[in-house]
């Protein structure tokens, strides 16, 4: 039963949402974090593309 509960919570993303709301972030901080995350994602994608073509 515990395993079923844990998988349900994980599927719904409740824990991640809880952790995200534990600390306050100003609008500017959120925007900077979003840009940083996008840049990291773009670099990862470019790295993978480069590895696939070799």
N, C-alpha and C. Protein backbone atom coordinates (compact mmCIF):
# COMPACT_ATOMS: atom_id res chain seq x y z
N UNK A 1 0.82 -1.18 0.00
CA UNK A 1 0.00 0.00 0.00
C UNK A 1 0.87 1.26 0.00
N UNK A 2 1.96 1.22 0.76
CA UNK A 2 2.88 2.36 0.80
C UNK A 2 3.51 2.59 -0.58
N UNK A 3 3.86 1.51 -1.25
CA UNK A 3 4.47 1.62 -2.57
C UNK A 3 3.48 2.28 -3.55
N UNK A 4 2.24 1.91 -3.45
CA UNK A 4 1.20 2.48 -4.31
C UNK A 4 1.03 3.98 -4.03
N UNK A 5 1.04 4.34 -2.76
CA UNK A 5 0.93 5.75 -2.37
C UNK A 5 2.12 6.54 -2.91
N UNK A 6 3.34 6.00 -2.73
CA UNK A 6 4.54 6.69 -3.19
C UNK A 6 4.53 6.90 -4.69
N UNK A 7 4.12 5.87 -5.44
CA UNK A 7 4.09 6.01 -6.89
C UNK A 7 3.03 7.02 -7.31
N UNK A 8 1.91 7.07 -6.61
CA UNK A 8 0.88 8.06 -6.92
C UNK A 8 1.35 9.48 -6.67
N UNK A 9 2.03 9.68 -5.54
CA UNK A 9 2.57 11.00 -5.20
C UNK A 9 3.62 11.41 -6.23
N UNK A 10 4.46 10.48 -6.62
CA UNK A 10 5.50 10.76 -7.60
C UNK A 10 4.89 11.11 -8.95
N UNK A 11 3.90 10.38 -9.36
CA UNK A 11 3.25 10.61 -10.65
C UNK A 11 2.60 11.99 -10.71
N UNK A 12 1.98 12.40 -9.60
CA UNK A 12 1.30 13.69 -9.54
C UNK A 12 2.28 14.86 -9.42
N UNK A 13 3.51 14.60 -9.02
CA UNK A 13 4.50 15.66 -8.88
C UNK A 13 4.30 16.50 -7.62
N UNK A 14 3.66 15.94 -6.63
CA UNK A 14 3.35 16.66 -5.39
C UNK A 14 4.61 17.02 -4.63
N UNK A 15 5.55 16.10 -4.53
CA UNK A 15 6.77 16.34 -3.78
C UNK A 15 7.62 17.45 -4.41
N UNK A 16 7.75 17.42 -5.72
CA UNK A 16 8.50 18.46 -6.42
C UNK A 16 7.87 19.82 -6.25
N UNK A 17 6.55 19.86 -6.30
CA UNK A 17 5.81 21.10 -6.11
C UNK A 17 6.04 21.63 -4.69
N UNK A 18 6.00 20.75 -3.73
CA UNK A 18 6.23 21.13 -2.33
C UNK A 18 7.62 21.73 -2.15
N UNK A 19 8.63 21.07 -2.70
CA UNK A 19 10.00 21.55 -2.58
C UNK A 19 10.18 22.90 -3.26
N UNK A 20 9.52 23.07 -4.40
CA UNK A 20 9.62 24.33 -5.15
C UNK A 20 9.02 25.49 -4.36
N UNK A 21 7.99 25.22 -3.58
CA UNK A 21 7.31 26.28 -2.84
C UNK A 21 7.87 26.50 -1.43
N UNK A 22 8.89 25.77 -1.04
CA UNK A 22 9.46 25.93 0.29
C UNK A 22 10.18 27.25 0.46
N UNK A 23 10.80 27.74 -0.59
CA UNK A 23 11.54 28.99 -0.50
C UNK A 23 10.91 30.02 -1.42
N UNK A 24 10.99 31.28 -1.03
CA UNK A 24 10.44 32.37 -1.83
C UNK A 24 11.45 32.81 -2.87
N UNK A 25 10.98 32.99 -4.09
CA UNK A 25 11.83 33.53 -5.16
C UNK A 25 11.12 34.74 -5.75
N UNK A 26 11.85 35.83 -5.90
CA UNK A 26 11.26 37.02 -6.51
C UNK A 26 11.05 36.75 -8.00
N UNK A 27 10.32 37.63 -8.65
CA UNK A 27 10.05 37.46 -10.09
C UNK A 27 11.35 37.47 -10.89
N UNK A 28 12.27 38.35 -10.49
CA UNK A 28 13.55 38.43 -11.19
C UNK A 28 14.37 37.16 -11.03
N UNK A 29 14.37 36.61 -9.82
CA UNK A 29 15.10 35.36 -9.57
C UNK A 29 14.51 34.21 -10.39
N UNK A 30 13.19 34.16 -10.46
CA UNK A 30 12.53 33.12 -11.25
C UNK A 30 12.91 33.23 -12.72
N UNK A 31 12.93 34.46 -13.22
CA UNK A 31 13.28 34.69 -14.62
C UNK A 31 14.73 34.27 -14.89
N UNK A 32 15.64 34.63 -13.99
CA UNK A 32 17.05 34.25 -14.17
C UNK A 32 17.21 32.73 -14.12
N UNK A 33 16.51 32.08 -13.20
CA UNK A 33 16.58 30.62 -13.08
C UNK A 33 16.05 29.96 -14.35
N UNK A 34 14.98 30.53 -14.89
CA UNK A 34 14.38 29.97 -16.10
C UNK A 34 15.35 30.08 -17.28
N UNK A 35 16.01 31.23 -17.42
CA UNK A 35 16.99 31.42 -18.49
C UNK A 35 18.17 30.46 -18.33
N UNK A 36 18.63 30.31 -17.09
CA UNK A 36 19.76 29.42 -16.81
C UNK A 36 19.40 27.97 -17.17
N UNK A 37 18.19 27.57 -16.78
CA UNK A 37 17.72 26.21 -17.06
C UNK A 37 17.60 25.99 -18.57
N UNK A 38 17.09 27.00 -19.30
CA UNK A 38 16.94 26.89 -20.75
C UNK A 38 18.31 26.77 -21.43
N UNK A 39 19.28 27.55 -20.96
CA UNK A 39 20.62 27.51 -21.53
C UNK A 39 21.27 26.14 -21.30
N UNK A 40 21.11 25.61 -20.09
CA UNK A 40 21.66 24.30 -19.77
C UNK A 40 21.02 23.23 -20.66
N UNK A 41 19.72 23.33 -20.85
CA UNK A 41 18.99 22.37 -21.67
C UNK A 41 19.46 22.45 -23.13
N UNK A 42 19.66 23.69 -23.62
CA UNK A 42 20.11 23.88 -24.99
C UNK A 42 21.50 23.28 -25.19
N UNK A 43 22.39 23.51 -24.24
CA UNK A 43 23.75 22.96 -24.34
C UNK A 43 23.72 21.44 -24.35
N UNK A 44 22.89 20.86 -23.50
CA UNK A 44 22.78 19.40 -23.44
C UNK A 44 22.28 18.85 -24.77
N UNK A 45 21.27 19.52 -25.33
CA UNK A 45 20.73 19.09 -26.62
C UNK A 45 21.78 19.16 -27.72
N UNK A 46 22.56 20.24 -27.72
CA UNK A 46 23.59 20.42 -28.73
C UNK A 46 24.68 19.35 -28.58
N UNK A 47 25.02 19.02 -27.34
CA UNK A 47 26.01 17.99 -27.08
C UNK A 47 25.54 16.65 -27.62
N UNK A 48 24.30 16.32 -27.34
CA UNK A 48 23.74 15.05 -27.81
C UNK A 48 23.68 14.98 -29.32
N UNK A 49 23.31 16.08 -29.96
CA UNK A 49 23.25 16.13 -31.41
C UNK A 49 24.62 15.89 -32.00
N UNK A 50 25.63 16.50 -31.41
CA UNK A 50 26.99 16.34 -31.89
C UNK A 50 27.46 14.91 -31.75
N UNK A 51 27.07 14.24 -30.67
CA UNK A 51 27.48 12.86 -30.45
C UNK A 51 26.77 11.91 -31.40
N UNK A 52 25.53 12.23 -31.79
CA UNK A 52 24.77 11.36 -32.68
C UNK A 52 25.32 11.38 -34.11
N UNK A 53 25.86 12.50 -34.54
CA UNK A 53 26.29 12.63 -35.93
C UNK A 53 27.67 12.05 -36.16
N UNK A 54 28.41 11.77 -35.12
CA UNK A 54 29.78 11.25 -35.30
C UNK A 54 29.82 9.81 -35.64
